[in-house]
Amino acid sequence: MAANKASPAAFQAGAPMLRVHDLRTSILKPASFSLSAGEAIAVRGPSGAGKTLLLRAVADLDPNEGLVTLDGRDRSTMPGPEWRRLVGYVPAEPGWWADTVGEHFGDWTSALALVRDLGFPNETKAWPITRLSTGERLRLALVRALMMRPGVLLLDEPTAALDIASVAAVESLIKARMRMGLAVLWVTHDAEQAKRVAHRLLVVEAGQVREEAPEWTIISP
């Protein structure tokens, strides 16, 4: 509910952590916005509008132009793997390259708390990837990303295939990390979810990115 949300002004008062200026691709038109520590921006728009392209451009996974900085550091001065450790990206269809879940984690013991938070038992480590549902893959990919301790997290519909309880678990986990300073750019088709998790709203239509003032930031006294 809106009344339970942190005041967006409290986050916008600080210096932005992530700055994006005139970011563009062959399809994505120049986009500019900033994201502060502890803040979430919801990204909404019709299918095929360019929401995933925006996340991939920020993560520097596709050819793009424009200035992107993190804590004042220009993205172009960092190796790609370092940038993507600091600015983590969880795609709608995460990749898996080994046979079992545990092989995708450098330190399963450290991951266990997050794994349990998202409703998995301890023995998940031995599960073959082939037994995972789409929703389970999404949740475990989120754990993988959080284990890298990013400053910014780019989420592409991370709860699209989840039941209500799993959606709540994911939102609770991300909110807890936001209270510790994590900044989030969250693509969602769910307007109610945007209200629950985000302080601001970006709308993407036909490759055009614009910021809108969402109605949930207007709270009556």
Protein backbone atom coordinates (compact mmCIF):
# COMPACT_ATOMS: atom_id res chain seq x y z
CA MET A 1 0.00 0.00 0.00
CA ALA A 2 1.18 3.55 -0.72
CA ALA A 3 1.04 4.55 2.92
CA ASN A 4 3.70 1.96 3.75
CA LYS A 5 6.17 3.19 1.15
CA ALA A 6 9.25 5.17 2.06
CA SER A 7 9.06 8.77 0.96
CA PRO A 8 10.62 9.10 -2.51
CA ALA A 9 11.90 12.56 -1.56
CA ALA A 10 14.20 10.99 1.03
CA PHE A 11 15.99 9.05 -1.70
CA GLN A 12 16.04 11.81 -4.29
CA ALA A 13 17.65 14.21 -1.81
CA GLY A 14 20.94 12.30 -1.99
CA ALA A 15 23.42 12.27 -4.83
CA PRO A 16 22.42 9.79 -7.56
CA MET A 17 24.35 6.52 -7.59
CA LEU A 18 23.66 5.68 -11.24
CA ARG A 19 23.52 8.39 -13.88
CA VAL A 20 22.36 7.68 -17.43
CA HIS A 21 22.65 10.43 -20.06
CA ASP A 22 21.54 10.11 -23.68
CA LEU A 23 21.79 6.32 -23.62
CA ARG A 24 20.70 5.03 -27.01
CA THR A 25 20.87 2.09 -29.39
CA SER A 26 19.75 1.55 -32.97
CA ILE A 27 16.23 1.06 -31.57
CA LEU A 28 16.27 2.82 -28.19
CA LYS A 29 15.95 6.59 -28.42
CA PRO A 30 18.16 8.78 -26.16
CA ALA A 31 17.27 8.13 -22.52
CA SER A 32 18.40 10.07 -19.46
CA PHE A 33 17.64 9.38 -15.80
CA SER A 34 19.34 8.84 -12.46
CA LEU A 35 18.93 6.34 -9.64
CA SER A 36 19.89 6.88 -6.01
CA ALA A 37 20.96 4.41 -3.34
CA GLY A 38 17.97 2.66 -1.79
CA GLU A 39 15.65 3.74 -4.59
CA ALA A 40 13.63 1.65 -7.05
CA ILE A 41 12.36 2.82 -10.42
CA ALA A 42 9.62 0.78 -12.08
CA VAL A 43 9.89 0.43 -15.85
CA ARG A 44 6.58 -0.11 -17.60
CA GLY A 45 5.26 -0.14 -21.13
CA PRO A 46 3.73 -2.45 -23.74
CA SER A 47 5.44 -5.64 -24.88
CA GLY A 48 8.13 -4.96 -27.46
CA ALA A 49 8.44 -1.29 -26.46
CA GLY A 50 12.12 -1.53 -25.50
CA LYS A 51 12.11 -2.20 -21.75
CA THR A 52 14.54 -5.12 -22.00
CA LEU A 53 16.67 -3.17 -24.47
CA LEU A 54 16.98 -0.40 -21.88
CA LEU A 55 18.22 -2.79 -19.19
CA ARG A 56 20.65 -4.48 -21.57
CA ALA A 57 22.00 -1.11 -22.68
CA VAL A 58 22.58 -0.01 -19.07
CA ALA A 59 24.33 -3.35 -18.44
CA ASP A 60 26.41 -2.75 -21.60
CA LEU A 61 25.38 -6.08 -23.09
CA ASP A 62 24.36 -4.68 -26.49
CA PRO A 63 26.00 -1.99 -28.67
CA ASN A 64 25.00 1.41 -27.30
CA GLU A 65 26.09 5.02 -27.01
CA GLY A 66 25.77 7.56 -24.25
CA LEU A 67 27.24 8.31 -20.83
CA VAL A 68 26.58 5.96 -17.91
CA THR A 69 28.31 6.43 -14.56
CA LEU A 70 28.21 4.65 -11.20
CA ASP A 71 29.28 6.68 -8.17
CA GLY A 72 30.98 9.06 -10.57
CA ARG A 73 32.93 6.34 -12.40
CA ASP A 74 32.43 6.30 -16.15
CA ARG A 75 31.34 2.90 -17.39
CA SER A 76 33.72 3.16 -20.34
CA THR A 77 36.71 3.12 -17.97
CA MET A 78 35.80 -0.31 -16.51
CA PRO A 79 36.14 -3.81 -17.98
CA GLY A 80 32.74 -5.25 -18.89
CA PRO A 81 32.76 -8.02 -16.24
CA GLU A 82 33.54 -5.51 -13.48
CA TRP A 83 30.72 -3.22 -14.60
CA ARG A 84 28.25 -6.11 -14.65
CA ARG A 85 29.32 -7.18 -11.17
CA LEU A 86 28.53 -3.69 -9.86
CA VAL A 87 25.43 -3.30 -12.02
CA GLY A 88 23.82 -6.74 -11.90
CA TYR A 89 21.34 -7.85 -14.54
CA VAL A 90 18.71 -10.57 -14.06
CA PRO A 91 17.14 -11.35 -17.44
CA ALA A 92 13.66 -12.72 -17.97
CA GLU A 93 15.24 -15.99 -19.14
CA PRO A 94 18.41 -16.57 -17.09
CA GLY A 95 21.20 -18.70 -18.52
CA TRP A 96 22.35 -21.98 -16.96
CA TRP A 97 25.55 -23.70 -18.07
CA ALA A 98 26.07 -26.65 -15.70
CA ASP A 99 24.05 -29.71 -14.74
CA THR A 100 23.14 -28.91 -11.12
CA VAL A 101 22.06 -25.83 -9.19
CA GLY A 102 25.05 -25.85 -6.86
CA GLU A 103 27.55 -25.68 -9.72
CA HIS A 104 26.30 -22.17 -10.50
CA PHE A 105 27.30 -20.83 -7.08
CA GLY A 106 30.87 -20.25 -5.98
CA ASP A 107 29.92 -20.49 -2.31
CA TRP A 108 26.71 -22.39 -1.67
CA THR A 109 27.01 -21.99 2.10
CA SER A 110 26.93 -18.21 1.76
CA ALA A 111 24.02 -18.44 -0.67
CA LEU A 112 21.92 -20.60 1.66
CA ALA A 113 20.30 -17.72 3.58
CA LEU A 114 19.05 -16.16 0.35
CA VAL A 115 18.00 -19.54 -1.03
CA ARG A 116 15.91 -20.20 2.07
CA ASP A 117 14.44 -16.69 2.01
CA LEU A 118 13.05 -17.51 -1.42
CA GLY A 119 11.46 -20.76 -0.30
CA PHE A 120 14.01 -23.39 -1.33
CA PRO A 121 15.20 -26.30 0.86
CA ASN A 122 18.88 -26.94 1.63
CA GLU A 123 19.05 -29.84 -0.82
CA THR A 124 18.37 -27.52 -3.75
CA LYS A 125 22.13 -27.54 -4.34
CA ALA A 126 21.93 -31.06 -5.78
CA TRP A 127 18.89 -30.45 -7.97
CA PRO A 128 19.44 -30.89 -11.71
CA ILE A 129 18.70 -27.74 -13.67
CA THR A 130 16.26 -29.72 -15.81
CA ARG A 131 13.89 -30.16 -12.87
CA LEU A 132 13.52 -26.43 -12.22
CA SER A 133 10.37 -24.60 -13.22
CA THR A 134 10.59 -21.20 -14.88
CA GLY A 135 9.76 -19.50 -11.59
CA GLU A 136 12.41 -21.48 -9.71
CA ARG A 137 15.02 -20.51 -12.29
CA LEU A 138 14.10 -16.87 -11.90
CA ARG A 139 14.39 -16.96 -8.12
CA LEU A 140 17.72 -18.77 -8.18
CA ALA A 141 19.05 -16.36 -10.80
CA LEU A 142 18.14 -13.54 -8.42
CA VAL A 143 20.18 -15.24 -5.69
CA ARG A 144 23.12 -15.54 -8.10
CA ALA A 145 22.93 -11.84 -8.85
CA LEU A 146 22.66 -10.78 -5.20
CA MET A 147 25.66 -12.93 -4.29
CA MET A 148 27.78 -10.57 -6.40
CA ARG A 149 26.78 -7.72 -4.04
CA PRO A 150 25.92 -5.21 -6.80
CA GLY A 151 25.22 -1.56 -6.09
CA VAL A 152 22.52 -1.51 -8.77
CA LEU A 153 20.23 -4.35 -9.81
CA LEU A 154 18.46 -4.48 -13.17
CA LEU A 155 15.43 -6.78 -12.98
CA ASP A 156 13.48 -7.90 -16.05
CA GLU A 157 10.10 -9.24 -14.90
CA PRO A 158 11.65 -11.28 -12.04
CA THR A 159 8.26 -12.40 -10.68
CA ALA A 160 6.34 -12.95 -13.93
CA ALA A 161 6.12 -16.74 -13.49
CA LEU A 162 5.71 -16.84 -9.71
CA ASP A 163 2.78 -17.60 -7.42
CA ILE A 164 1.58 -15.01 -4.89
CA ALA A 165 3.72 -16.33 -2.02
CA SER A 166 6.89 -16.36 -4.14
CA VAL A 167 6.18 -12.86 -5.45
CA ALA A 168 5.90 -11.64 -1.86
CA ALA A 169 9.17 -13.37 -0.93
CA VAL A 170 11.04 -11.77 -3.83
CA GLU A 171 9.64 -8.31 -3.10
CA SER A 172 10.49 -8.65 0.59
CA LEU A 173 14.07 -9.69 -0.17
CA ILE A 174 14.64 -6.84 -2.62
CA LYS A 175 13.14 -4.29 -0.24
CA ALA A 176 15.45 -5.53 2.53
CA ARG A 177 18.44 -5.03 0.22
CA MET A 178 17.17 -1.60 -0.75
CA ARG A 179 17.15 -0.61 2.92
CA MET A 180 20.86 -1.47 2.84
CA GLY A 181 21.39 0.84 -0.14
CA LEU A 182 20.71 -1.32 -3.21
CA ALA A 183 19.31 0.67 -6.15
CA VAL A 184 16.89 -1.13 -8.46
CA LEU A 185 15.59 -0.67 -11.99
CA TRP A 186 12.61 -3.05 -12.13
CA VAL A 187 10.70 -3.94 -15.31
CA THR A 188 7.17 -5.02 -14.43
CA HIS A 189 3.82 -5.33 -16.21
CA ASP A 190 2.05 -5.35 -12.85
CA ALA A 191 0.83 -1.89 -11.86
CA GLU A 192 0.15 -3.03 -8.30
CA GLN A 193 3.68 -4.37 -7.98
CA ALA A 194 5.06 -1.07 -9.23
CA LYS A 195 3.16 0.66 -6.43
CA ARG A 196 4.55 -1.74 -3.85
CA VAL A 197 8.21 -1.61 -4.84
CA ALA A 198 8.96 1.61 -6.71
CA HIS A 199 9.47 5.26 -5.83
CA ARG A 200 9.44 6.50 -9.44
CA LEU A 201 8.25 5.38 -12.85
CA LEU A 202 9.81 5.19 -16.30
CA VAL A 203 7.53 4.49 -19.23
CA VAL A 204 8.93 2.98 -22.44
CA GLU A 205 6.92 3.19 -25.66
CA ALA A 206 8.26 2.55 -29.16
CA GLY A 207 11.82 2.91 -27.90
CA GLN A 208 11.11 6.26 -26.24
CA VAL A 209 11.86 6.47 -22.51
CA ARG A 210 10.16 9.09 -20.36
CA GLU A 211 9.67 9.60 -16.65
CA GLU A 212 6.14 9.96 -15.36
CA ALA A 213 4.86 10.99 -11.95
CA PRO A 214 3.05 7.89 -10.67
CA GLU A 215 -0.17 8.41 -8.76
CA TRP A 216 1.15 6.47 -5.76
CA THR A 217 3.69 9.21 -4.95
CA ILE A 218 0.82 11.62 -4.30
CA ILE A 219 -0.12 10.72 -0.75
CA SER A 220 -2.89 12.61 0.99
CA PRO A 221 -2.05 13.95 4.48
